[in-house]
């Protein structure tokens, strides 16, 4: 991903928080030169062994059969919005699009262990729908086994991250403040989230 130095984020805690919040990710493989992508819910862990992304897909999805030794790409997309030249103090400007994104690369390991697969699904439910978790735990074992048989569970050991927080840092602090103020007037909460992120990463001047 093209990312000038002033757009990169190195704070691991911020990146982990971002990835966990924007956890409906895009998994991309390109085995044999043909790109394939799937939109998947993921969980992200970070510990002594490094960062890992956990996910699953339908067994009928042929993409998992391309999990060999090649790296895969997982794209995490954050808030984004059009930026109008009308918002700048300096009028000689052109439109642009601001956004935040993380590209995570890594190697995949598939597991068929029933306990591991079940624990992964339970973790996903606990994070997304804790109120329903007791119902999940009470599902009949035969039914659960059938559901688990229909999915492929896998872990991605993250080998590198690419980041881009494109927040008009190259235009300077004053222009960023004007852009954030304009974004804040939107009725779209994701656009207002971009305003907040812009204020968090204001240029020094």
C-alpha atoms as a PDB file:
ATOM      1  CA  UNK A   1       0.000   0.000   0.000  1.00  0.00           C
ATOM      2  CA  UNK A   2       1.362   3.401  -0.944  1.00  0.00           C
ATOM      3  CA  UNK A   3       1.767   5.410   2.253  1.00  0.00           C
ATOM      4  CA  UNK A   4       3.985   8.483   2.695  1.00  0.00           C
ATOM      5  CA  UNK A   5       5.814   8.629   6.045  1.00  0.00           C
ATOM      6  CA  UNK A   6       3.472  11.302   7.449  1.00  0.00           C
ATOM      7  CA  UNK A   7       0.475   8.990   6.879  1.00  0.00           C
ATOM      8  CA  UNK A   8       1.907   5.966   8.678  1.00  0.00           C
ATOM      9  CA  UNK A   9       0.935   4.892  12.195  1.00  0.00           C
ATOM     10  CA  UNK A  10       3.407   2.935  14.302  1.00  0.00           C
ATOM     11  CA  UNK A  11       1.551   2.850  17.628  1.00  0.00           C
ATOM     12  CA  UNK A  12       0.783  -0.859  18.014  1.00  0.00           C
ATOM     13  CA  UNK A  13      -1.912  -0.268  20.610  1.00  0.00           C
ATOM     14  CA  UNK A  14      -3.769   2.113  18.316  1.00  0.00           C
ATOM     15  CA  UNK A  15      -3.458  -0.295  15.397  1.00  0.00           C
ATOM     16  CA  UNK A  16      -4.744  -3.211  17.470  1.00  0.00           C
ATOM     17  CA  UNK A  17      -7.717  -1.149  18.649  1.00  0.00           C
ATOM     18  CA  UNK A  18      -8.433  -0.086  15.072  1.00  0.00           C
ATOM     19  CA  UNK A  19      -8.304  -3.642  13.727  1.00  0.00           C
ATOM     20  CA  UNK A  20     -10.542  -4.966  16.488  1.00  0.00           C
ATOM     21  CA  UNK A  21     -13.109  -2.215  15.978  1.00  0.00           C
ATOM     22  CA  UNK A  22     -13.154  -2.620  12.185  1.00  0.00           C
ATOM     23  CA  UNK A  23     -13.247  -6.387  12.375  1.00  0.00           C
ATOM     24  CA  UNK A  24     -15.238  -7.168   9.226  1.00  0.00           C
ATOM     25  CA  UNK A  25     -12.193  -7.561   7.017  1.00  0.00           C
ATOM     26  CA  UNK A  26     -11.297  -8.465   3.448  1.00  0.00           C
ATOM     27  CA  UNK A  27      -9.105 -11.562   3.010  1.00  0.00           C
ATOM     28  CA  UNK A  28      -7.162 -11.573  -0.262  1.00  0.00           C
ATOM     29  CA  UNK A  29      -5.160 -14.442  -1.769  1.00  0.00           C
ATOM     30  CA  UNK A  30      -3.392 -14.576  -5.121  1.00  0.00           C
ATOM     31  CA  UNK A  31      -2.182 -18.135  -5.516  1.00  0.00           C
ATOM     32  CA  UNK A  32      -1.262 -18.744  -9.136  1.00  0.00           C
ATOM     33  CA  UNK A  33      -1.587 -15.040  -9.911  1.00  0.00           C
ATOM     34  CA  UNK A  34      -5.391 -14.928  -9.766  1.00  0.00           C
ATOM     35  CA  UNK A  35      -6.654 -12.698  -6.908  1.00  0.00           C
ATOM     36  CA  UNK A  36      -9.532 -14.009  -4.792  1.00  0.00           C
ATOM     37  CA  UNK A  37     -11.219 -12.133  -1.932  1.00  0.00           C
ATOM     38  CA  UNK A  38     -13.672 -12.936   0.861  1.00  0.00           C
ATOM     39  CA  UNK A  39     -15.373 -10.594   3.334  1.00  0.00           C
ATOM     40  CA  UNK A  40     -15.092 -12.156   6.785  1.00  0.00           C
ATOM     41  CA  UNK A  41     -15.534 -11.383  10.489  1.00  0.00           C
ATOM     42  CA  UNK A  42     -12.224 -11.729  12.321  1.00  0.00           C
ATOM     43  CA  UNK A  43     -10.784 -11.506  15.803  1.00  0.00           C
ATOM     44  CA  UNK A  44      -7.307 -10.148  16.456  1.00  0.00           C
ATOM     45  CA  UNK A  45      -4.960 -11.286  19.223  1.00  0.00           C
ATOM     46  CA  UNK A  46      -1.587  -9.908  20.237  1.00  0.00           C
ATOM     47  CA  UNK A  47       0.758 -11.599  22.666  1.00  0.00           C
ATOM     48  CA  UNK A  48       4.265 -12.901  23.194  1.00  0.00           C
ATOM     49  CA  UNK A  49       4.000 -14.954  20.032  1.00  0.00           C
ATOM     50  CA  UNK A  50       3.116 -11.894  17.985  1.00  0.00           C
ATOM     51  CA  UNK A  51      -0.085 -10.720  16.368  1.00  0.00           C
ATOM     52  CA  UNK A  52      -2.567 -13.246  14.989  1.00  0.00           C
ATOM     53  CA  UNK A  53      -5.835 -12.958  13.099  1.00  0.00           C
ATOM     54  CA  UNK A  54      -8.467 -15.651  13.635  1.00  0.00           C
ATOM     55  CA  UNK A  55     -11.322 -16.285  11.224  1.00  0.00           C
ATOM     56  CA  UNK A  56     -13.389 -18.862   9.393  1.00  0.00           C
ATOM     57  CA  UNK A  57     -15.193 -19.291   6.096  1.00  0.00           C
ATOM     58  CA  UNK A  58     -17.690 -21.695   4.568  1.00  0.00           C
ATOM     59  CA  UNK A  59     -16.116 -24.994   3.585  1.00  0.00           C
ATOM     60  CA  UNK A  60     -17.789 -24.578   0.188  1.00  0.00           C
ATOM     61  CA  UNK A  61     -15.769 -21.390  -0.357  1.00  0.00           C
ATOM     62  CA  UNK A  62     -12.869 -22.580  -2.556  1.00  0.00           C
ATOM     63  CA  UNK A  63     -10.527 -19.828  -1.363  1.00  0.00           C
ATOM     64  CA  UNK A  64      -9.333 -21.812   1.649  1.00  0.00           C
ATOM     65  CA  UNK A  65      -7.906 -24.421  -0.709  1.00  0.00           C
ATOM     66  CA  UNK A  66      -5.415 -21.752  -1.813  1.00  0.00           C
ATOM     67  CA  UNK A  67      -3.875 -21.500   1.670  1.00  0.00           C
ATOM     68  CA  UNK A  68      -0.381 -22.737   0.970  1.00  0.00           C
ATOM     69  CA  UNK A  69       2.939 -21.137   1.873  1.00  0.00           C
ATOM     70  CA  UNK A  70       2.189 -17.812   0.206  1.00  0.00           C
ATOM     71  CA  UNK A  71       1.371 -14.746   2.259  1.00  0.00           C
ATOM     72  CA  UNK A  72      -2.231 -13.646   2.418  1.00  0.00           C
ATOM     73  CA  UNK A  73      -3.491 -10.092   2.828  1.00  0.00           C
ATOM     74  CA  UNK A  74      -6.156  -8.967   5.290  1.00  0.00           C
ATOM     75  CA  UNK A  75      -7.540  -5.460   4.727  1.00  0.00           C
ATOM     76  CA  UNK A  76      -9.068  -3.504   7.608  1.00  0.00           C
ATOM     77  CA  UNK A  77     -10.958  -0.414   6.435  1.00  0.00           C
ATOM     78  CA  UNK A  78     -11.851   2.434   8.779  1.00  0.00           C
ATOM     79  CA  UNK A  79     -13.808   5.671   8.445  1.00  0.00           C
ATOM     80  CA  UNK A  80     -13.520   7.493   5.117  1.00  0.00           C
ATOM     81  CA  UNK A  81     -15.071  10.493   3.389  1.00  0.00           C
ATOM     82  CA  UNK A  82     -14.854  12.915   0.493  1.00  0.00           C
ATOM     83  CA  UNK A  83     -12.976  16.129   1.255  1.00  0.00           C
ATOM     84  CA  UNK A  84     -14.125  19.222  -0.635  1.00  0.00           C
ATOM     85  CA  UNK A  85     -11.810  22.058  -1.732  1.00  0.00           C
ATOM     86  CA  UNK A  86     -14.483  24.389  -0.330  1.00  0.00           C
ATOM     87  CA  UNK A  87     -13.313  23.538   3.161  1.00  0.00           C
ATOM     88  CA  UNK A  88      -9.754  24.791   2.727  1.00  0.00           C
ATOM     89  CA  UNK A  89      -8.493  28.219   3.639  1.00  0.00           C
ATOM     90  CA  UNK A  90      -6.286  28.189   0.547  1.00  0.00           C
ATOM     91  CA  UNK A  91      -8.477  28.024  -2.543  1.00  0.00           C
ATOM     92  CA  UNK A  92      -5.997  26.431  -4.961  1.00  0.00           C
ATOM     93  CA  UNK A  93      -6.898  22.916  -3.922  1.00  0.00           C
ATOM     94  CA  UNK A  94      -8.507  19.873  -5.518  1.00  0.00           C
ATOM     95  CA  UNK A  95     -10.924  17.278  -4.070  1.00  0.00           C
ATOM     96  CA  UNK A  96      -9.554  14.249  -2.261  1.00  0.00           C
ATOM     97  CA  UNK A  97     -10.715  11.300  -0.180  1.00  0.00           C
ATOM     98  CA  UNK A  98      -9.471  10.799   3.375  1.00  0.00           C
ATOM     99  CA  UNK A  99      -9.462   7.416   5.114  1.00  0.00           C
ATOM    100  CA  UNK A 100      -7.717   5.044   7.488  1.00  0.00           C
ATOM    101  CA  UNK A 101      -6.692   1.492   6.634  1.00  0.00           C
ATOM    102  CA  UNK A 102      -4.455  -1.349   7.779  1.00  0.00           C
ATOM    103  CA  UNK A 103      -3.064  -4.055   5.517  1.00  0.00           C
ATOM    104  CA  UNK A 104      -1.969  -7.124   7.480  1.00  0.00           C
ATOM    105  CA  UNK A 105       0.131  -9.805   5.790  1.00  0.00           C
ATOM    106  CA  UNK A 106       0.741 -13.270   7.144  1.00  0.00           C
ATOM    107  CA  UNK A 107       0.843 -17.035   6.794  1.00  0.00           C
ATOM    108  CA  UNK A 108      -2.269 -19.169   7.262  1.00  0.00           C
ATOM    109  CA  UNK A 109      -2.710 -22.290   9.346  1.00  0.00           C
ATOM    110  CA  UNK A 110      -5.959 -24.275   9.084  1.00  0.00           C
ATOM    111  CA  UNK A 111      -7.218 -26.315  12.032  1.00  0.00           C
ATOM    112  CA  UNK A 112      -9.728 -29.167  12.058  1.00  0.00           C
ATOM    113  CA  UNK A 113      -9.611 -29.591  15.840  1.00  0.00           C
ATOM    114  CA  UNK A 114     -13.229 -29.551  17.005  1.00  0.00           C
ATOM    115  CA  UNK A 115     -12.443 -27.896  20.363  1.00  0.00           C
ATOM    116  CA  UNK A 116     -10.410 -25.150  18.717  1.00  0.00           C
ATOM    117  CA  UNK A 117     -13.099 -24.483  16.132  1.00  0.00           C
ATOM    118  CA  UNK A 118     -15.815 -24.336  18.769  1.00  0.00           C
ATOM    119  CA  UNK A 119     -13.752 -22.025  20.991  1.00  0.00           C
ATOM    120  CA  UNK A 120     -13.153 -19.695  18.043  1.00  0.00           C
ATOM    121  CA  UNK A 121     -16.882 -19.442  17.337  1.00  0.00           C
ATOM    122  CA  UNK A 122     -17.639 -18.904  21.008  1.00  0.00           C
ATOM    123  CA  UNK A 123     -15.108 -16.079  21.168  1.00  0.00           C
ATOM    124  CA  UNK A 124     -16.723 -14.448  18.136  1.00  0.00           C
ATOM    125  CA  UNK A 125     -20.200 -14.680  19.682  1.00  0.00           C
ATOM    126  CA  UNK A 126     -18.918 -13.375  23.031  1.00  0.00           C
ATOM    127  CA  UNK A 127     -17.484 -10.319  21.312  1.00  0.00           C
ATOM    128  CA  UNK A 128     -20.433  -9.560  19.043  1.00  0.00           C
ATOM    129  CA  UNK A 129     -23.523 -10.845  20.858  1.00  0.00           C
ATOM    130  CA  UNK A 130     -22.738 -11.595  24.503  1.00  0.00           C
ATOM    131  CA  UNK A 131     -26.452 -11.537  25.341  1.00  0.00           C
ATOM    132  CA  UNK A 132     -26.954 -14.601  23.143  1.00  0.00           C
ATOM    133  CA  UNK A 133     -23.911 -16.475  24.474  1.00  0.00           C
ATOM    134  CA  UNK A 134     -25.906 -18.634  26.955  1.00  0.00           C
ATOM    135  CA  UNK A 135     -28.094 -19.769  24.043  1.00  0.00           C
ATOM    136  CA  UNK A 136     -24.980 -20.578  22.040  1.00  0.00           C
ATOM    137  CA  UNK A 137     -23.642 -22.673  24.912  1.00  0.00           C
ATOM    138  CA  UNK A 138     -26.962 -24.527  25.126  1.00  0.00           C
ATOM    139  CA  UNK A 139     -27.108 -25.589  21.469  1.00  0.00           C
ATOM    140  CA  UNK A 140     -27.337 -29.381  20.979  1.00  0.00           C
ATOM    141  CA  UNK A 141     -23.898 -30.951  20.366  1.00  0.00           C
ATOM    142  CA  UNK A 142     -25.052 -32.727  17.205  1.00  0.00           C
ATOM    143  CA  UNK A 143     -26.272 -29.444  15.745  1.00  0.00           C
ATOM    144  CA  UNK A 144     -23.036 -27.690  16.672  1.00  0.00           C
ATOM    145  CA  UNK A 145     -20.953 -30.476  15.142  1.00  0.00           C
ATOM    146  CA  UNK A 146     -22.882 -30.127  11.901  1.00  0.00           C
ATOM    147  CA  UNK A 147     -22.301 -26.372  11.813  1.00  0.00           C
ATOM    148  CA  UNK A 148     -18.615 -26.753  12.617  1.00  0.00           C
ATOM    149  CA  UNK A 149     -18.219 -29.332   9.864  1.00  0.00           C
ATOM    150  CA  UNK A 150     -19.472 -26.746   7.380  1.00  0.00           C
ATOM    151  CA  UNK A 151     -16.737 -24.203   8.093  1.00  0.00           C
ATOM    152  CA  UNK A 152     -12.968 -23.956   7.822  1.00  0.00           C
ATOM    153  CA  UNK A 153     -11.274 -22.310  10.801  1.00  0.00           C
ATOM    154  CA  UNK A 154      -7.864 -20.730  10.391  1.00  0.00           C
ATOM    155  CA  UNK A 155      -5.269 -18.497  12.024  1.00  0.00           C
ATOM    156  CA  UNK A 156      -3.046 -15.968  10.278  1.00  0.00           C
ATOM    157  CA  UNK A 157       0.300 -15.268  11.941  1.00  0.00           C
ATOM    158  CA  UNK A 158       0.879 -11.625  11.035  1.00  0.00           C
ATOM    159  CA  UNK A 159       4.320 -11.040   9.533  1.00  0.00           C
ATOM    160  CA  UNK A 160       4.009  -7.322   8.693  1.00  0.00           C
ATOM    161  CA  UNK A 161       1.611  -4.405   8.757  1.00  0.00           C
ATOM    162  CA  UNK A 162       1.140  -1.527   6.350  1.00  0.00           C
ATOM    163  CA  UNK A 163      -0.827   1.490   7.506  1.00  0.00           C
ATOM    164  CA  UNK A 164      -2.236   4.654   6.051  1.00  0.00           C
ATOM    165  CA  UNK A 165      -4.042   7.330   8.031  1.00  0.00           C
ATOM    166  CA  UNK A 166      -4.697   9.747   5.136  1.00  0.00           C
ATOM    167  CA  UNK A 167      -5.933  12.744   7.097  1.00  0.00           C
ATOM    168  CA  UNK A 168      -4.549  15.696   5.105  1.00  0.00           C
ATOM    169  CA  UNK A 169      -1.469  15.887   7.342  1.00  0.00           C
ATOM    170  CA  UNK A 170       0.469  17.263   4.376  1.00  0.00           C
ATOM    171  CA  UNK A 171      -1.845  20.318   4.299  1.00  0.00           C
ATOM    172  CA  UNK A 172      -0.931  21.401   7.804  1.00  0.00           C
ATOM    173  CA  UNK A 173      -2.707  21.691  11.119  1.00  0.00           C
ATOM    174  CA  UNK A 174      -4.972  24.648  10.213  1.00  0.00           C
ATOM    175  CA  UNK A 175      -6.346  22.952   7.100  1.00  0.00           C
ATOM    176  CA  UNK A 176      -6.879  19.717   9.045  1.00  0.00           C
ATOM    177  CA  UNK A 177      -8.869  21.596  11.679  1.00  0.00           C
ATOM    178  CA  UNK A 178     -11.083  23.105   8.981  1.00  0.00           C
ATOM    179  CA  UNK A 179     -11.618  19.692   7.385  1.00  0.00           C
ATOM    180  CA  UNK A 180     -12.481  18.111  10.745  1.00  0.00           C
ATOM    181  CA  UNK A 181     -15.002  20.870  11.451  1.00  0.00           C
ATOM    182  CA  UNK A 182     -16.683  20.281   8.082  1.00  0.00           C
ATOM    183  CA  UNK A 183     -16.751  16.509   8.576  1.00  0.00           C
ATOM    184  CA  UNK A 184     -18.328  16.993  11.990  1.00  0.00           C
ATOM    185  CA  UNK A 185     -21.352  18.626  10.365  1.00  0.00           C
ATOM    186  CA  UNK A 186     -22.251  15.362   8.630  1.00  0.00           C
ATOM    187  CA  UNK A 187     -25.216  13.290   9.782  1.00  0.00           C
ATOM    188  CA  UNK A 188     -23.215  10.150   9.029  1.00  0.00           C
ATOM    189  CA  UNK A 189     -21.555   8.842  12.237  1.00  0.00           C
ATOM    190  CA  UNK A 190     -18.721   7.246  10.245  1.00  0.00           C
ATOM    191  CA  UNK A 191     -17.868  10.638   8.734  1.00  0.00           C
ATOM    192  CA  UNK A 192     -17.866  12.199  12.199  1.00  0.00           C
ATOM    193  CA  UNK A 193     -15.584   9.365  13.303  1.00  0.00           C
ATOM    194  CA  UNK A 194     -13.151  10.476  10.586  1.00  0.00           C
ATOM    195  CA  UNK A 195     -13.333  14.008  12.013  1.00  0.00           C
ATOM    196  CA  UNK A 196     -12.357  12.675  15.444  1.00  0.00           C
ATOM    197  CA  UNK A 197      -9.513  10.634  13.976  1.00  0.00           C
ATOM    198  CA  UNK A 198      -8.278  13.710  12.094  1.00  0.00           C
ATOM    199  CA  UNK A 199      -8.158  15.732  15.314  1.00  0.00           C
ATOM    200  CA  UNK A 200      -6.245  12.919  16.982  1.00  0.00           C
ATOM    201  CA  UNK A 201      -3.575  13.092  14.285  1.00  0.00           C
ATOM    202  CA  UNK A 202      -3.165  16.802  13.672  1.00  0.00           C
ATOM    203  CA  UNK A 203       0.088  17.914  12.090  1.00  0.00           C
ATOM    204  CA  UNK A 204       2.471  19.800  14.367  1.00  0.00           C
ATOM    205  CA  UNK A 205       2.131  22.956  12.249  1.00  0.00           C
END
